């Protein structure tokens, strides 16, 4: 989720990776995701969609997106002028990046918890959310502060913005610890927990079944893998010494893709919020949306956690229903 324009500074022996580009044309994907994120956040707060565990997870993940995307857009208004400014942006950048990818993995774990403890998940999931907050909020924030202290980003007199310097004769410790390893770990964890969840659900059903619900649930880690997988592989190849015009072009494309993660998340979760908005409008107009709601529930199994009745154990009911198939 950064603009890794590689610029070799002559006589310095290091490459500058521009994390905060100053040109608007380099921030198109960031701008799209920022707009989508603020819409989701605003509607979530207006309609109080944070009362259920899954809705709270979605809200917190979008706060991470907000921190990341708007920190990048901030340089268009207030251009960095010092290392101190870059350290502040480092905290927001690392927190937003790590928190967003960790939430992707935790959604997979939450799916596994709901499936495994389908009879008691009304108790288990809220209990797990407390630990999720520590892992996906407190830990990334702490890491962001450490990354700032370690000098993950520095001010470049040449680029006039914040960059990450990669020295040709050294292992990129900061880049790997604060960015690549957390993303790789989150992708692997997503695959692991979703595989376990699907296996458990199949055992409950007593047979393998490719249901539409399973495909919907797999969207969440798929967003993470789709946005970050190609970029991660390319970064490994670059570190192994692969450099060419083609690699540079692919890098630009993959960076654009990583910056669209917030947009894809907003699209998936926004469909659920749209249901609530439509219901609220119908209620204000005096219409009875009950029939439309029944149709929506049939096709929006996962996303029914955002329904207006926040007390209904929707997440667990879904799995109980599936396990009886």
Protein backbone atom coordinates (compact mmCIF):
# COMPACT_ATOMS: atom_id res chain seq x y z
CA UNK A 1 0.00 0.00 0.00
CA UNK A 2 2.66 2.44 -0.93
CA UNK A 3 4.01 4.16 -3.99
CA UNK A 4 7.31 2.29 -4.31
CA UNK A 5 8.88 4.39 -7.02
CA UNK A 6 12.48 3.17 -6.95
CA UNK A 7 15.00 5.97 -7.35
CA UNK A 8 18.70 5.20 -7.13
CA UNK A 9 20.54 8.21 -5.77
CA UNK A 10 23.90 8.49 -7.47
CA UNK A 11 26.84 8.18 -5.12
CA UNK A 12 24.69 7.15 -2.16
CA UNK A 13 24.30 3.41 -2.69
CA UNK A 14 20.64 3.35 -1.68
CA UNK A 15 17.28 3.33 -3.40
CA UNK A 16 14.54 5.70 -2.28
CA UNK A 17 11.04 4.26 -2.19
CA UNK A 18 8.52 7.09 -2.24
CA UNK A 19 5.76 6.27 0.22
CA UNK A 20 4.00 9.64 0.04
CA UNK A 21 3.93 10.91 -3.57
CA UNK A 22 3.11 14.56 -4.08
CA UNK A 23 1.38 14.20 -7.45
CA UNK A 24 -2.38 13.63 -7.47
CA UNK A 25 -2.10 11.26 -10.44
CA UNK A 26 -0.10 8.92 -8.20
CA UNK A 27 -2.86 8.95 -5.60
CA UNK A 28 -5.91 8.09 -7.69
CA UNK A 29 -6.43 4.67 -6.10
CA UNK A 30 -5.80 6.15 -2.66
CA UNK A 31 -8.39 8.87 -3.30
CA UNK A 32 -11.00 6.34 -4.44
CA UNK A 33 -10.44 4.17 -1.36
CA UNK A 34 -10.45 7.22 0.92
CA UNK A 35 -13.85 8.34 -0.38
CA UNK A 36 -15.29 4.82 -0.08
CA UNK A 37 -13.91 4.47 3.44
CA UNK A 38 -15.33 7.74 4.74
CA UNK A 39 -18.77 6.84 3.34
CA UNK A 40 -18.74 3.50 5.15
CA UNK A 41 -17.53 5.09 8.39
CA UNK A 42 -20.13 7.85 8.26
CA UNK A 43 -23.06 5.51 7.59
CA UNK A 44 -21.85 3.03 10.21
CA UNK A 45 -21.80 5.73 12.86
CA UNK A 46 -25.08 7.30 11.79
CA UNK A 47 -26.97 4.02 11.90
CA UNK A 48 -24.99 2.69 14.89
CA UNK A 49 -23.91 -0.46 13.12
CA UNK A 50 -21.15 -1.14 15.62
CA UNK A 51 -23.31 -2.85 18.24
CA UNK A 52 -22.77 -6.34 16.83
CA UNK A 53 -19.34 -8.02 16.97
CA UNK A 54 -18.89 -8.36 13.22
CA UNK A 55 -20.09 -4.80 12.60
CA UNK A 56 -17.63 -3.51 15.20
CA UNK A 57 -14.84 -5.39 13.43
CA UNK A 58 -15.80 -3.81 10.12
CA UNK A 59 -15.95 -0.34 11.67
CA UNK A 60 -12.53 -0.71 13.31
CA UNK A 61 -10.97 -1.99 10.11
CA UNK A 62 -12.30 1.01 8.22
CA UNK A 63 -10.81 3.30 10.86
CA UNK A 64 -7.47 1.70 9.96
CA UNK A 65 -8.14 2.39 6.29
CA UNK A 66 -8.98 5.98 7.21
CA UNK A 67 -5.66 6.40 9.02
CA UNK A 68 -3.71 5.01 6.10
CA UNK A 69 -5.40 6.68 3.14
CA UNK A 70 -5.86 10.13 4.65
CA UNK A 71 -2.27 10.21 5.89
CA UNK A 72 -1.21 9.75 2.27
CA UNK A 73 -3.58 12.45 1.05
CA UNK A 74 -2.44 14.83 3.78
CA UNK A 75 0.83 15.55 1.93
CA UNK A 76 -1.19 17.26 -0.79
CA UNK A 77 -2.28 19.85 1.77
CA UNK A 78 0.72 19.94 4.08
CA UNK A 79 3.91 18.81 2.37
CA UNK A 80 6.52 17.12 4.62
CA UNK A 81 9.53 19.23 5.44
CA UNK A 82 11.40 17.24 8.08
CA UNK A 83 12.14 13.80 9.51
CA UNK A 84 9.80 14.58 12.42
CA UNK A 85 6.88 15.05 10.03
CA UNK A 86 7.76 11.75 8.36
CA UNK A 87 7.85 10.00 11.73
CA UNK A 88 4.30 11.15 12.47
CA UNK A 89 3.19 9.87 9.08
CA UNK A 90 5.04 6.61 9.78
CA UNK A 91 2.85 5.95 12.81
CA UNK A 92 -0.35 6.52 10.83
CA UNK A 93 0.95 4.56 7.85
CA UNK A 94 2.16 1.47 9.72
CA UNK A 95 -0.85 1.42 12.02
CA UNK A 96 -3.30 1.65 9.12
CA UNK A 97 -1.48 -0.87 6.98
CA UNK A 98 -0.91 -3.52 9.65
CA UNK A 99 -4.32 -3.12 11.25
CA UNK A 100 -6.16 -3.51 7.92
CA UNK A 101 -4.32 -6.68 6.89
CA UNK A 102 -4.57 -8.18 10.38
CA UNK A 103 -8.32 -7.61 10.37
CA UNK A 104 -8.47 -9.56 7.12
CA UNK A 105 -6.93 -12.54 8.89
CA UNK A 106 -9.10 -12.08 11.99
CA UNK A 107 -12.27 -12.20 9.90
CA UNK A 108 -11.10 -15.63 8.81
CA UNK A 109 -10.54 -16.63 12.43
CA UNK A 110 -13.95 -15.24 13.42
CA UNK A 111 -15.55 -17.37 10.71
CA UNK A 112 -13.79 -20.42 12.16
CA UNK A 113 -14.98 -19.56 15.70
CA UNK A 114 -18.58 -19.13 14.53
CA UNK A 115 -18.46 -22.48 12.70
CA UNK A 116 -16.68 -24.46 15.42
CA UNK A 117 -18.76 -23.09 18.30
CA UNK A 118 -21.99 -22.72 16.37
CA UNK A 119 -24.09 -23.59 19.43
CA UNK A 120 -22.41 -21.08 21.75
CA UNK A 121 -20.90 -18.53 19.38
CA UNK A 122 -23.23 -15.83 20.71
CA UNK A 123 -20.90 -15.90 23.71
CA UNK A 124 -17.65 -16.95 22.04
CA UNK A 125 -17.52 -14.30 19.29
CA UNK A 126 -18.03 -11.24 21.54
CA UNK A 127 -15.36 -12.67 23.85
CA UNK A 128 -12.92 -13.08 20.96
CA UNK A 129 -13.53 -9.53 19.70
CA UNK A 130 -11.84 -8.22 22.85
CA UNK A 131 -8.66 -10.08 21.89
CA UNK A 132 -9.05 -9.00 18.26
CA UNK A 133 -8.92 -5.38 19.38
CA UNK A 134 -5.60 -5.97 21.12
CA UNK A 135 -4.14 -7.77 18.10
CA UNK A 136 -5.52 -5.54 15.33
CA UNK A 137 -5.54 -2.13 17.06
CA UNK A 138 -3.11 -1.97 19.98
CA UNK A 139 -0.34 -4.04 18.36
CA UNK A 140 -0.26 -2.12 15.03
CA UNK A 141 -0.31 1.19 16.91
CA UNK A 142 2.63 0.05 19.04
CA UNK A 143 4.45 -1.14 15.95
CA UNK A 144 3.80 2.17 14.24
CA UNK A 145 5.51 4.01 17.10
CA UNK A 146 8.45 1.59 16.99
CA UNK A 147 8.72 1.96 13.20
CA UNK A 148 8.86 5.74 13.59
CA UNK A 149 11.63 5.43 16.18
CA UNK A 150 13.56 3.03 13.94
CA UNK A 151 13.38 5.44 11.01
CA UNK A 152 11.17 3.44 8.64
CA UNK A 153 10.50 6.66 6.72
CA UNK A 154 12.89 9.58 6.26
CA UNK A 155 12.63 12.95 4.63
CA UNK A 156 14.31 13.17 1.23
CA UNK A 157 15.84 16.46 0.16
CA UNK A 158 15.67 15.21 -3.43
CA UNK A 159 12.06 14.01 -3.51
CA UNK A 160 10.81 16.59 -1.00
CA UNK A 161 8.67 13.96 0.70
CA UNK A 162 8.89 10.90 2.95
CA UNK A 163 10.78 7.92 1.55
CA UNK A 164 12.03 4.54 2.68
CA UNK A 165 15.70 3.98 1.88
CA UNK A 166 16.86 0.54 0.79
CA UNK A 167 20.63 0.08 0.76
CA UNK A 168 21.96 -2.26 -1.92
CA UNK A 169 24.51 -3.91 0.35
CA UNK A 170 22.14 -4.44 3.29
CA UNK A 171 19.09 -6.51 4.11
CA UNK A 172 16.03 -4.25 4.25
CA UNK A 173 15.27 -4.90 7.92
CA UNK A 174 12.73 -2.11 8.42
CA UNK A 175 10.84 -2.75 5.20
CA UNK A 176 10.51 -6.44 5.95
CA UNK A 177 9.68 -6.17 9.65
CA UNK A 178 7.09 -3.41 9.42
CA UNK A 179 5.51 -4.09 6.00
CA UNK A 180 6.28 -7.31 4.14
CA UNK A 181 6.34 -9.83 7.00
CA UNK A 182 3.05 -8.62 8.59
CA UNK A 183 1.31 -8.73 5.19
CA UNK A 184 2.69 -12.20 4.39
CA UNK A 185 1.71 -13.49 7.83
CA UNK A 186 -1.82 -12.09 7.48
CA UNK A 187 -2.27 -13.74 4.06
CA UNK A 188 -1.06 -17.12 5.35
CA UNK A 189 -3.22 -16.85 8.47
CA UNK A 190 -6.28 -16.03 6.36
CA UNK A 191 -5.80 -19.12 4.24
CA UNK A 192 -5.18 -21.28 7.31
CA UNK A 193 -8.25 -20.24 9.29
CA UNK A 194 -10.61 -20.26 6.33
CA UNK A 195 -9.44 -23.72 5.36
CA UNK A 196 -10.12 -24.93 8.91
CA UNK A 197 -13.51 -23.21 8.96
CA UNK A 198 -14.60 -24.74 5.67
CA UNK A 199 -13.43 -28.20 6.75
CA UNK A 200 -15.33 -27.85 10.02
CA UNK A 201 -18.46 -26.66 8.28
CA UNK A 202 -18.27 -29.53 5.80
CA UNK A 203 -18.02 -31.98 8.69
CA UNK A 204 -21.07 -30.45 10.34
CA UNK A 205 -23.00 -30.82 7.12
CA UNK A 206 -21.86 -34.40 6.79
CA UNK A 207 -20.86 -33.83 3.19
CA UNK A 208 -18.94 -31.46 0.96
CA UNK A 209 -21.15 -28.72 -0.34
CA UNK A 210 -20.25 -25.63 -2.32
CA UNK A 211 -22.86 -23.23 -1.06
CA UNK A 212 -23.23 -19.61 -1.97
CA UNK A 213 -22.71 -18.73 1.70
CA UNK A 214 -19.22 -20.25 1.68
CA UNK A 215 -18.24 -18.24 -1.38
CA UNK A 216 -19.49 -15.05 0.29
CA UNK A 217 -17.47 -15.80 3.42
CA UNK A 218 -14.38 -16.40 1.32
CA UNK A 219 -14.58 -12.89 -0.11
CA UNK A 220 -12.93 -11.40 2.93
CA UNK A 221 -9.53 -13.16 2.75
CA UNK A 222 -9.76 -13.06 -1.02
CA UNK A 223 -9.63 -9.26 -0.94
CA UNK A 224 -6.43 -9.39 1.08
CA UNK A 225 -4.85 -12.06 -1.13
CA UNK A 226 -5.95 -10.42 -4.37
CA UNK A 227 -4.65 -6.99 -3.40
CA UNK A 228 -1.43 -8.04 -1.72
CA UNK A 229 -0.44 -11.41 -3.19
CA UNK A 230 1.03 -10.22 -6.52
CA UNK A 231 2.77 -7.28 -4.90
CA UNK A 232 4.31 -9.45 -2.20
CA UNK A 233 5.70 -11.95 -4.71
CA UNK A 234 7.16 -9.16 -6.83
CA UNK A 235 8.79 -7.56 -3.80
CA UNK A 236 10.54 -10.84 -3.00
CA UNK A 237 11.83 -11.06 -6.57
CA UNK A 238 13.08 -7.47 -6.42
CA UNK A 239 14.97 -8.21 -3.24
CA UNK A 240 16.54 -11.20 -4.95
CA UNK A 241 17.94 -8.85 -7.57
CA UNK A 242 15.32 -8.86 -10.30
CA UNK A 243 15.30 -5.43 -11.98
CA UNK A 244 13.98 -4.51 -15.43
CA UNK A 245 11.55 -2.07 -17.10
CA UNK A 246 8.90 -4.80 -17.02
CA UNK A 247 9.35 -5.26 -13.28
CA UNK A 248 9.01 -1.51 -12.77
CA UNK A 249 5.77 -1.44 -14.78
CA UNK A 250 4.36 -4.42 -12.88
CA UNK A 251 5.34 -2.78 -9.61
CA UNK A 252 3.28 0.31 -10.46
CA UNK A 253 0.27 -1.85 -11.34
CA UNK A 254 0.52 -3.95 -8.18
CA UNK A 255 0.94 -0.86 -5.97
CA UNK A 256 -2.22 0.57 -7.54
CA UNK A 257 -3.96 -2.71 -6.68
CA UNK A 258 -2.87 -2.67 -3.04
CA UNK A 259 -4.23 0.84 -2.66
CA UNK A 260 -7.64 -0.39 -3.81
CA UNK A 261 -8.05 -2.70 -0.81
CA UNK A 262 -10.14 -0.11 0.99
CA UNK A 263 -12.40 0.26 -2.04
CA UNK A 264 -13.02 -3.49 -2.31
CA UNK A 265 -13.68 -3.73 1.43
CA UNK A 266 -16.15 -0.86 1.20
CA UNK A 267 -17.98 -2.50 -1.71
CA UNK A 268 -18.40 -5.78 0.18
CA UNK A 269 -19.45 -4.23 3.48
CA UNK A 270 -21.34 -1.40 1.81
CA UNK A 271 -23.90 -3.79 0.41
CA UNK A 272 -24.95 -4.63 3.97
CA UNK A 273 -25.09 -1.00 5.00
CA UNK A 274 -27.19 -0.32 1.92
CA UNK A 275 -29.81 -2.73 3.27
CA UNK A 276 -30.04 -0.77 6.50
CA UNK A 277 -30.19 2.57 4.69
CA UNK A 278 -32.99 1.38 2.42
CA UNK A 279 -34.91 0.01 5.37
CA UNK A 280 -34.50 3.28 7.25
CA UNK A 281 -35.77 5.26 4.24
CA UNK A 282 -38.77 2.95 3.86
CA UNK A 283 -39.54 3.30 7.55
CA UNK A 284 -39.43 7.10 7.29
CA UNK A 285 -41.75 6.95 4.27
CA UNK A 286 -44.17 4.74 6.17
CA UNK A 287 -43.62 1.70 3.96
CA UNK A 288 -43.51 -1.89 5.20
CA UNK A 289 -40.21 -3.38 4.11
CA UNK A 290 -40.86 -6.80 5.64
CA UNK A 291 -41.33 -8.62 2.33
CA UNK A 292 -38.29 -7.02 0.79
CA UNK A 293 -36.34 -7.82 3.92
CA UNK A 294 -37.18 -11.52 3.67
CA UNK A 295 -35.84 -11.61 0.12
CA UNK A 296 -32.69 -9.78 1.13
CA UNK A 297 -31.96 -12.17 4.01
CA UNK A 298 -32.06 -15.13 1.63
CA UNK A 299 -29.29 -13.67 -0.54
CA UNK A 300 -27.33 -11.73 2.10
CA UNK A 301 -26.69 -14.47 4.66
CA UNK A 302 -23.32 -13.28 5.86
CA UNK A 303 -24.18 -9.62 5.77
CA UNK A 304 -27.40 -9.92 7.75
CA UNK A 305 -25.32 -9.06 10.81
CA UNK A 306 -26.05 -5.44 10.00
CA UNK A 307 -29.83 -5.76 10.33
CA UNK A 308 -31.59 -3.24 12.53
CA UNK A 309 -32.34 -5.81 15.23
CA UNK A 310 -28.92 -5.76 16.81
CA UNK A 311 -29.91 -8.32 19.43
CA UNK A 312 -30.63 -11.14 17.00
CA UNK A 313 -27.91 -13.85 16.99
CA UNK A 314 -27.70 -13.73 13.19
CA UNK A 315 -24.11 -14.92 12.79
CA UNK A 316 -24.67 -18.08 14.80
CA UNK A 317 -28.10 -18.75 13.34
CA UNK A 318 -26.54 -18.82 9.87
CA UNK A 319 -24.12 -21.57 10.81
CA UNK A 320 -26.73 -23.59 12.66
CA UNK A 321 -28.90 -23.48 9.58
CA UNK A 322 -26.02 -24.55 7.32
CA UNK A 323 -25.02 -27.37 9.66
CA UNK A 324 -28.49 -28.86 9.37
CA UNK A 325 -28.34 -28.99 5.56
